[in-house]
Amino acid sequence: MSSQNRAAGKASVNHKASAEADNPKVNSDPSDNQIKDPDEWVSGDEPMTGAQASYLKTLSEQAHDPKAFDPDLSKAEASKRIDELKQKQGH
């Protein structure tokens, strides 16, 4: 083994420490995890997700308010509607 190869072998990089330093779950900033207003969501204008639709449908049935479910809601609108129904039901 040449001296150059031995020197390269001794120079090791701690990839784990580097990865942990860049991992937001390891070094989370509490202000980065704040709840955002649905009106500020980047994807808020997209159609609601399947999970939102299912949950909203369930909540509207539990509230005996079938008109609360609208399949054409956006993600942001669905989130607000879900919050309203949960609050009405004391969740």
N, C-alpha and C. Protein backbone atom coordinates (compact mmCIF):
# COMPACT_ATOMS: atom_id res chain seq x y z
N MET A 1 0.86 -1.18 0.00
CA MET A 1 0.00 0.00 0.00
C MET A 1 0.89 1.23 0.00
N SER A 2 0.64 2.16 -0.87
CA SER A 2 1.48 3.35 -0.95
C SER A 2 1.15 4.29 0.19
N SER A 3 2.07 5.21 0.44
CA SER A 3 1.84 6.18 1.52
C SER A 3 0.66 7.08 1.19
N GLN A 4 0.41 7.27 -0.11
CA GLN A 4 -0.71 8.10 -0.52
C GLN A 4 -2.04 7.40 -0.17
N ASN A 5 -2.12 6.10 -0.41
CA ASN A 5 -3.33 5.34 -0.09
C ASN A 5 -3.56 5.27 1.41
N ARG A 6 -2.48 5.11 2.17
CA ARG A 6 -2.61 5.08 3.63
C ARG A 6 -3.10 6.40 4.16
N ALA A 7 -2.62 7.48 3.60
CA ALA A 7 -3.05 8.81 4.04
C ALA A 7 -4.52 9.01 3.71
N ALA A 8 -4.94 8.54 2.53
CA ALA A 8 -6.34 8.67 2.15
C ALA A 8 -7.21 7.82 3.06
N GLY A 9 -6.71 6.66 3.48
CA GLY A 9 -7.47 5.78 4.35
C GLY A 9 -7.64 6.35 5.74
N LYS A 10 -6.69 7.13 6.18
CA LYS A 10 -6.77 7.73 7.52
C LYS A 10 -7.71 8.93 7.55
N ALA A 11 -7.85 9.58 6.44
CA ALA A 11 -8.72 10.76 6.39
C ALA A 11 -10.16 10.28 6.21
N SER A 12 -10.87 10.19 7.31
CA SER A 12 -12.25 9.72 7.21
C SER A 12 -13.20 10.88 7.51
N VAL A 13 -14.35 10.79 6.91
CA VAL A 13 -15.37 11.80 7.09
C VAL A 13 -16.50 11.17 7.88
N ASN A 14 -16.97 11.87 8.89
CA ASN A 14 -18.07 11.37 9.68
C ASN A 14 -19.37 11.81 9.01
N HIS A 15 -19.88 10.96 8.11
CA HIS A 15 -21.09 11.30 7.37
C HIS A 15 -22.32 11.36 8.27
N LYS A 16 -22.33 10.55 9.32
CA LYS A 16 -23.47 10.54 10.24
C LYS A 16 -23.62 11.90 10.92
N ALA A 17 -22.53 12.45 11.41
CA ALA A 17 -22.58 13.75 12.08
C ALA A 17 -23.03 14.83 11.11
N SER A 18 -22.53 14.74 9.88
CA SER A 18 -22.91 15.72 8.86
C SER A 18 -24.40 15.61 8.54
N ALA A 19 -24.91 14.40 8.40
CA ALA A 19 -26.32 14.19 8.09
C ALA A 19 -27.21 14.67 9.23
N GLU A 20 -26.78 14.41 10.47
CA GLU A 20 -27.58 14.85 11.62
C GLU A 20 -27.63 16.36 11.71
N ALA A 21 -26.55 17.02 11.35
CA ALA A 21 -26.52 18.49 11.42
C ALA A 21 -27.51 19.10 10.44
N ASP A 22 -27.77 18.43 9.31
CA ASP A 22 -28.68 18.95 8.30
C ASP A 22 -30.10 18.42 8.45
N ASN A 23 -30.34 17.52 9.38
CA ASN A 23 -31.65 16.91 9.55
C ASN A 23 -32.51 17.79 10.45
N PRO A 24 -33.61 18.36 9.91
CA PRO A 24 -34.46 19.24 10.71
C PRO A 24 -35.16 18.51 11.86
N LYS A 25 -35.29 17.19 11.78
CA LYS A 25 -35.92 16.45 12.86
C LYS A 25 -35.00 16.31 14.06
N VAL A 26 -33.69 16.35 13.81
CA VAL A 26 -32.72 16.24 14.89
C VAL A 26 -32.55 17.59 15.58
N ASN A 27 -32.41 18.63 14.79
CA ASN A 27 -32.21 19.97 15.32
C ASN A 27 -33.39 20.86 14.92
N SER A 28 -34.55 20.54 15.42
CA SER A 28 -35.73 21.28 14.99
C SER A 28 -35.81 22.64 15.67
N ASP A 29 -36.31 23.59 14.93
CA ASP A 29 -36.57 24.93 15.43
C ASP A 29 -38.06 25.00 15.71
N PRO A 30 -38.46 25.21 16.96
CA PRO A 30 -39.89 25.21 17.28
C PRO A 30 -40.71 26.19 16.44
N SER A 31 -40.12 27.27 16.01
CA SER A 31 -40.86 28.25 15.22
C SER A 31 -41.12 27.75 13.81
N ASP A 32 -40.35 26.75 13.35
CA ASP A 32 -40.56 26.18 12.02
C ASP A 32 -41.77 25.26 11.97
N ASN A 33 -42.28 24.87 13.12
CA ASN A 33 -43.34 23.87 13.17
C ASN A 33 -44.66 24.50 13.62
N GLN A 34 -44.82 25.77 13.41
CA GLN A 34 -46.04 26.44 13.82
C GLN A 34 -47.17 26.10 12.86
N ILE A 35 -48.38 26.14 13.38
CA ILE A 35 -49.55 25.88 12.55
C ILE A 35 -49.78 27.09 11.67
N LYS A 36 -49.92 26.82 10.36
CA LYS A 36 -50.14 27.91 9.42
C LYS A 36 -51.62 28.03 9.11
N ASP A 37 -52.04 29.24 8.83
CA ASP A 37 -53.40 29.50 8.40
C ASP A 37 -53.58 28.83 7.03
N PRO A 38 -54.66 28.08 6.84
CA PRO A 38 -54.87 27.42 5.54
C PRO A 38 -54.85 28.39 4.36
N ASP A 39 -55.20 29.64 4.57
CA ASP A 39 -55.16 30.61 3.48
C ASP A 39 -53.74 30.90 3.01
N GLU A 40 -52.74 30.54 3.84
CA GLU A 40 -51.35 30.78 3.50
C GLU A 40 -50.67 29.54 2.92
N TRP A 41 -51.39 28.44 2.81
CA TRP A 41 -50.81 27.21 2.28
C TRP A 41 -50.48 27.39 0.80
N VAL A 42 -49.33 26.90 0.40
CA VAL A 42 -48.92 26.95 -1.00
C VAL A 42 -49.87 26.12 -1.86
N SER A 43 -50.29 24.98 -1.34
CA SER A 43 -51.16 24.08 -2.10
C SER A 43 -52.62 24.19 -1.68
N GLY A 44 -52.98 25.26 -1.00
CA GLY A 44 -54.33 25.41 -0.46
C GLY A 44 -55.42 25.47 -1.50
N ASP A 45 -55.09 25.87 -2.73
CA ASP A 45 -56.10 25.96 -3.79
C ASP A 45 -56.31 24.64 -4.52
N GLU A 46 -55.50 23.64 -4.22
CA GLU A 46 -55.67 22.34 -4.85
C GLU A 46 -56.89 21.64 -4.27
N PRO A 47 -57.46 20.68 -4.99
CA PRO A 47 -58.60 19.94 -4.45
C PRO A 47 -58.24 19.24 -3.15
N MET A 48 -59.23 19.11 -2.27
CA MET A 48 -58.96 18.46 -0.99
C MET A 48 -58.48 17.03 -1.23
N THR A 49 -57.74 16.54 -0.26
CA THR A 49 -57.19 15.19 -0.36
C THR A 49 -58.28 14.16 -0.08
N GLY A 50 -58.01 12.93 -0.41
CA GLY A 50 -58.95 11.85 -0.11
C GLY A 50 -59.18 11.72 1.38
N ALA A 51 -58.13 11.89 2.16
CA ALA A 51 -58.26 11.80 3.62
C ALA A 51 -59.14 12.92 4.16
N GLN A 52 -58.96 14.13 3.62
CA GLN A 52 -59.81 15.24 4.05
C GLN A 52 -61.27 14.97 3.68
N ALA A 53 -61.50 14.48 2.47
CA ALA A 53 -62.86 14.21 2.02
C ALA A 53 -63.53 13.18 2.93
N SER A 54 -62.81 12.12 3.23
CA SER A 54 -63.35 11.06 4.08
C SER A 54 -63.67 11.59 5.48
N TYR A 55 -62.74 12.34 6.06
CA TYR A 55 -62.93 12.87 7.41
C TYR A 55 -64.06 13.89 7.43
N LEU A 56 -64.12 14.74 6.43
CA LEU A 56 -65.17 15.75 6.35
C LEU A 56 -66.53 15.08 6.20
N LYS A 57 -66.60 14.04 5.39
CA LYS A 57 -67.85 13.30 5.21
C LYS A 57 -68.30 12.69 6.54
N THR A 58 -67.38 12.09 7.25
CA THR A 58 -67.70 11.49 8.55
C THR A 58 -68.18 12.54 9.54
N LEU A 59 -67.46 13.66 9.63
CA LEU A 59 -67.85 14.72 10.56
C LEU A 59 -69.21 15.31 10.21
N SER A 60 -69.47 15.49 8.92
CA SER A 60 -70.77 16.07 8.52
C SER A 60 -71.91 15.11 8.86
N GLU A 61 -71.67 13.82 8.74
CA GLU A 61 -72.69 12.83 9.11
C GLU A 61 -72.90 12.82 10.62
N GLN A 62 -71.81 12.89 11.39
CA GLN A 62 -71.93 12.91 12.84
C GLN A 62 -72.66 14.16 13.33
N ALA A 63 -72.48 15.26 12.61
CA ALA A 63 -73.11 16.53 12.98
C ALA A 63 -74.54 16.64 12.43
N HIS A 64 -74.98 15.60 11.71
CA HIS A 64 -76.29 15.62 11.06
C HIS A 64 -76.44 16.85 10.18
N ASP A 65 -75.33 17.16 9.48
CA ASP A 65 -75.28 18.33 8.59
C ASP A 65 -74.67 17.90 7.26
N PRO A 66 -75.45 17.16 6.44
CA PRO A 66 -74.88 16.66 5.19
C PRO A 66 -74.44 17.76 4.23
N LYS A 67 -74.99 18.96 4.36
CA LYS A 67 -74.59 20.06 3.49
C LYS A 67 -73.18 20.57 3.81
N ALA A 68 -72.65 20.19 4.97
CA ALA A 68 -71.30 20.60 5.34
C ALA A 68 -70.26 19.93 4.45
N PHE A 69 -70.64 18.80 3.85
CA PHE A 69 -69.73 18.11 2.93
C PHE A 69 -69.95 18.61 1.52
N ASP A 70 -68.88 19.09 0.90
CA ASP A 70 -68.92 19.54 -0.48
C ASP A 70 -67.70 18.93 -1.18
N PRO A 71 -67.91 18.05 -2.13
CA PRO A 71 -66.78 17.37 -2.77
C PRO A 71 -65.88 18.28 -3.59
N ASP A 72 -66.30 19.51 -3.81
CA ASP A 72 -65.50 20.43 -4.63
C ASP A 72 -64.66 21.41 -3.82
N LEU A 73 -64.53 21.19 -2.53
CA LEU A 73 -63.74 22.10 -1.70
C LEU A 73 -62.24 21.97 -1.99
N SER A 74 -61.53 23.07 -1.78
CA SER A 74 -60.07 23.05 -1.88
C SER A 74 -59.50 22.50 -0.58
N LYS A 75 -58.21 22.24 -0.56
CA LYS A 75 -57.56 21.77 0.66
C LYS A 75 -57.77 22.75 1.81
N ALA A 76 -57.58 24.04 1.53
CA ALA A 76 -57.71 25.05 2.57
C ALA A 76 -59.15 25.14 3.07
N GLU A 77 -60.11 25.13 2.14
CA GLU A 77 -61.52 25.21 2.53
C GLU A 77 -61.93 23.98 3.34
N ALA A 78 -61.48 22.82 2.92
CA ALA A 78 -61.79 21.58 3.64
C ALA A 78 -61.22 21.62 5.05
N SER A 79 -60.00 22.11 5.19
CA SER A 79 -59.38 22.20 6.50
C SER A 79 -60.18 23.10 7.43
N LYS A 80 -60.61 24.23 6.92
CA LYS A 80 -61.42 25.15 7.73
C LYS A 80 -62.75 24.52 8.11
N ARG A 81 -63.38 23.85 7.15
CA ARG A 81 -64.68 23.21 7.41
C ARG A 81 -64.53 22.12 8.45
N ILE A 82 -63.47 21.33 8.35
CA ILE A 82 -63.19 20.28 9.34
C ILE A 82 -63.02 20.89 10.72
N ASP A 83 -62.25 21.96 10.81
CA ASP A 83 -62.05 22.63 12.10
C ASP A 83 -63.36 23.14 12.67
N GLU A 84 -64.20 23.70 11.83
CA GLU A 84 -65.50 24.21 12.28
C GLU A 84 -66.38 23.08 12.83
N LEU A 85 -66.45 21.98 12.10
CA LEU A 85 -67.27 20.86 12.54
C LEU A 85 -66.72 20.24 13.82
N LYS A 86 -65.42 20.12 13.91
CA LYS A 86 -64.82 19.58 15.13
C LYS A 86 -65.15 20.47 16.33
N GLN A 87 -65.07 21.77 16.13
CA GLN A 87 -65.36 22.71 17.22
C GLN A 87 -66.83 22.61 17.64
N LYS A 88 -67.72 22.51 16.68
CA LYS A 88 -69.14 22.38 16.99
C LYS A 88 -69.44 21.12 17.79
N GLN A 89 -68.68 20.06 17.49
CA GLN A 89 -68.91 18.78 18.16
C GLN A 89 -68.08 18.62 19.42
N GLY A 90 -67.30 19.62 19.75
CA GLY A 90 -66.51 19.57 20.98
C GLY A 90 -65.29 18.68 20.91
N HIS A 91 -64.74 18.48 19.71
CA HIS A 91 -63.53 17.66 19.55
C HIS A 91 -62.32 18.47 19.89
